[in-house]
Structure formats: C-alpha cells, structure tokens
Amino acid sequence: MTASDTLRARSKTMDSPSKSASSRTPESPGNSASQPKMGRAVSLHPNVRLNLASDSRLNPIHPSLGAWRTTRRLAVLAAKLQWWLGFPGKWLIQTMRLLLFVIFMLPGFVPPFLCYMCSKKIKKNIVYGPSFRHQLDVYLPTTPANGKPYPVVIFISGGAWIIGYKAWGFIMGQIFQQCGVLFIAPDYRNFPEVTVSQMVDDVIRAVGWVYGNLESLGGDPENITLMGQSAGAHLSALAMLEKATSEADDNRVPPRIYADQQVEMADWSVTDLKRWVGISGPYNIVDVVQTMKNRGLPKSVIDALMEKDLVRFSVTRRVRDLAIKDPCKILPRLPPAHLYHGKADETCHWQHAQDLAEEFRKGAVTATATYYEGKSHTDPILEDPCEGPGDALMSDLLKLVLGVEDAPKGEGGFWRLQPKLLLKWAKICNPF
C-alpha cells in the first residue's frame, strides 16, 4: 500500500487508532521503528473537505471572531505584552532597529510582497483551528505537476515566540512554489496569549491539517518536510519530539508534558515525515538566556515563555537524555534531521546546530549540519534572497527537498532590486 493509500484509509477510520534520521549524508529510512505505530486518531478541525476557492481569503480576520472581537483581542494582548516588557526598555530600541531594517529593505521586500498579496496561486488565511491565529497560507506550485504529486514543505516561521507570523516566509514560499514545491506556512499563537507548550500544540494541529488535506492540495505524502526557522525551528523540533513520545509505545506512553489537553489533531505520525529541517534555531534555551536578555527580552518573560522550566523546553537536552536512556524507543521514530546555520549568527550561535546534530547521531538519528560563513541570523532567509539568484541556503534546501544534485535554474526567485548601500545599512540596523 502506498503512503497515499494509507492516508486515505486513515481519513475513513478517524475514530480508531491506526498502526503502521558540516557534512551532508544520504537520508536513510532506517530511523523509523521496525513496526511503527500511528499516533492517537482524533478528529480534524475545522475543515472536513478543503475548498481552496471559498476557504482562502485576503481578509486576515478569523471568520468565527469578526473584526471587533479580533481588534479587542489584539489590544488586550498588546497591553499585556507591554506590561511584561516594561517601559522604557531595551526592547524599544530593538523595535526601532527592526523598523529601520524594514525601511532599508523595502526595495527588496516590495516586489515579492506585492506578488504575495496579488497572486491567485497563494491561498491566504485558511482556517485550521478556533483561535484568530489558527490560519495558514498555501503556496501552490506554479510549475505543471505532470501527473506527479508535489513535494511538500510545512514552514514554521520565527519571531522570538512573540512576533512570529506566517507571512515572514513570503519570499521563501514563492521561491519554493516557482520550483514545483507545495509550501504551507501556518500561523501560531504567540506570547503572552500562550506559552511555548501551546505553540507546540498549534504546530501539531497545523501539520494535522496538512495531512488531512494533502490529497486536495496535490501534495506527495511520501515527501513531506517539516521546516522551521529560529523560534520556528525550536517549536517544530519540540512538536516532532512530542508526537514521537506519544506514539512510541501503546502500553507505556510517557505522560504528556504539554498543557493543552484538548488540542485536536489529525491522524498523522512523525514517522510519516520525510525529514525535519532546522534553520538558525535556538535548540538549547539555557544557553540563549543571556543573549535574549541583551536583545531586550527580560528574564521574567523568558521564564514565563518556558513555564519556568528551561531544560524541559531545550531540544538538545531532551535529545541528549533520550540518547542515554530511551526505553520507549522515541528517537528511532524521528525522521532525518538537517540543520543549517550562519556562522556570524549573534542571536543563536552556530554551535546550537552542531550540538544538536551530535546528540541526534548519538541517538542513531541521521543528522547533517551545514554552516554558512559570514551569514547572520536572518541573512539566509531575508537579505540573501533579496540580492537575486545564488542564495546558498535556498539552493541547498531545493536540492534537499527535490532530491536533485543541482538546484533548478533561476532559483532565487526575484531579480535584484535591493541596492547594496541600503542592504549594508539594513544589516547594521537588523536587531537579530
């Protein structure tokens, strides 16, 4: 039975559980357990059958909430965030730097943003859950399918767990879709509305939505990449570990550590993922506390975000513990891991990627780590694509996802419109 047939069978039996790893190394299917078991089968919320024409909207307001309730909700959350951050503070300087960065990058940002807003091939604000942040964008490939399903990338954006938003991947998404990849960018709730545990639940819910609608979207169930950048890399890795933990043993499942016990998930398994990709991620939270404080994030906010348990939400430490003792065989369920990091990253040191890759390998999970000399935290996904074709990270990602030795001709997406002088000033102002 093919993976497509398997997913179709799961959708018909949602009420009963189903059964069923700076070098580049070949991906191996050997990371899955010899007899993988599917995760808990639960209902898919909210779409039973996807209709892209009616479910996609330019209006970002969640249809179940309306403009007034959404505006009121945003105002309350903004006031809470102000209380947590204090006034004035370092965060104000960082906010001003971010605004200047965006202004200087406008020549490079405007053309792809206009394409994002106007393209009929980008289906925006599709609802996948009850919160006003439970929406996602679908970038339909612009190349013909030729009778074959498209590779799939589920991209979880960064934003320091506070300003994460699905549209941050609008450049990357359009490059992927131009090269024949189905790119899906879910939004998720931010702090102070929720803490990291509920953000992880949002990622799990969003991935479940993708699996539930994969056939309608024309995606390949045998080539699905879960990818995240910065905080998104951290959240997607935690989501992957959480799913693997819940699936590891029917008779002896470790207690769930996350808070939202009512989260609805589609019937998907971490063993279905082709690979996981982490870009510039903070995988050891204990080690980035001081850096985040220097960036204007008070220790009280970090503690609240991580529920006063930094070790529990540190991916590297969890993998390290499992590599030493893993009675439920959690790590063997994980897909191959591919980490990408700039060596000039001052927000999350490249050592984070190296350490996590090493711990994965100790646990017999296939892992690669690729580093980019002179690249900062955001260079690979924002500044470099705006310079035109030749973006090293996008080239590597396309080769990985498409399974080719050379990236498609013309990758890079947009002609160069970013003046070098403005790019230099933007990099100076960049708070990340």
Foldseek 3Di string as FASTA:
>chain_A
DDLVVVLVVCLVVLPDWAWAFLDDDDFDLQLAPPTFGWFRRFDFPDDQADDLVPQFDLDLFDVVQDDVNVVVVVVVQVVVVCVQLDPPFLLVLLVVLAVLLCVLCVLLPVVLVVCQSPPPQKRWFGARDDDSQRGKIKRAAPDDCVPAFFAEEEEFEDDPLAPTHQCLQSLVSLLQSPQRHIYMGGGADGPPVDALLRRLLSVQSVVQVCSSHVVVRRHDLQQYEYEYAEVGLLSSLVNLLQQLQSRLDPVDRPDRPGDPPPRTGHGGGQLSYQEYEYELYQQQQVVQLVVVVVLSNDPVNVCRNVVNCRQVSRNLNVLLVCLVPPVSSSLSSHTHYEYEYECAEPNHHLVSQVSSQVSSVSSVRHYHYHYHYPDYRCCLRRLVLLQFPDRPVSQVVQCVSVVHPGHDPRRSNDHHRNDPVSSVSSVVSNSD
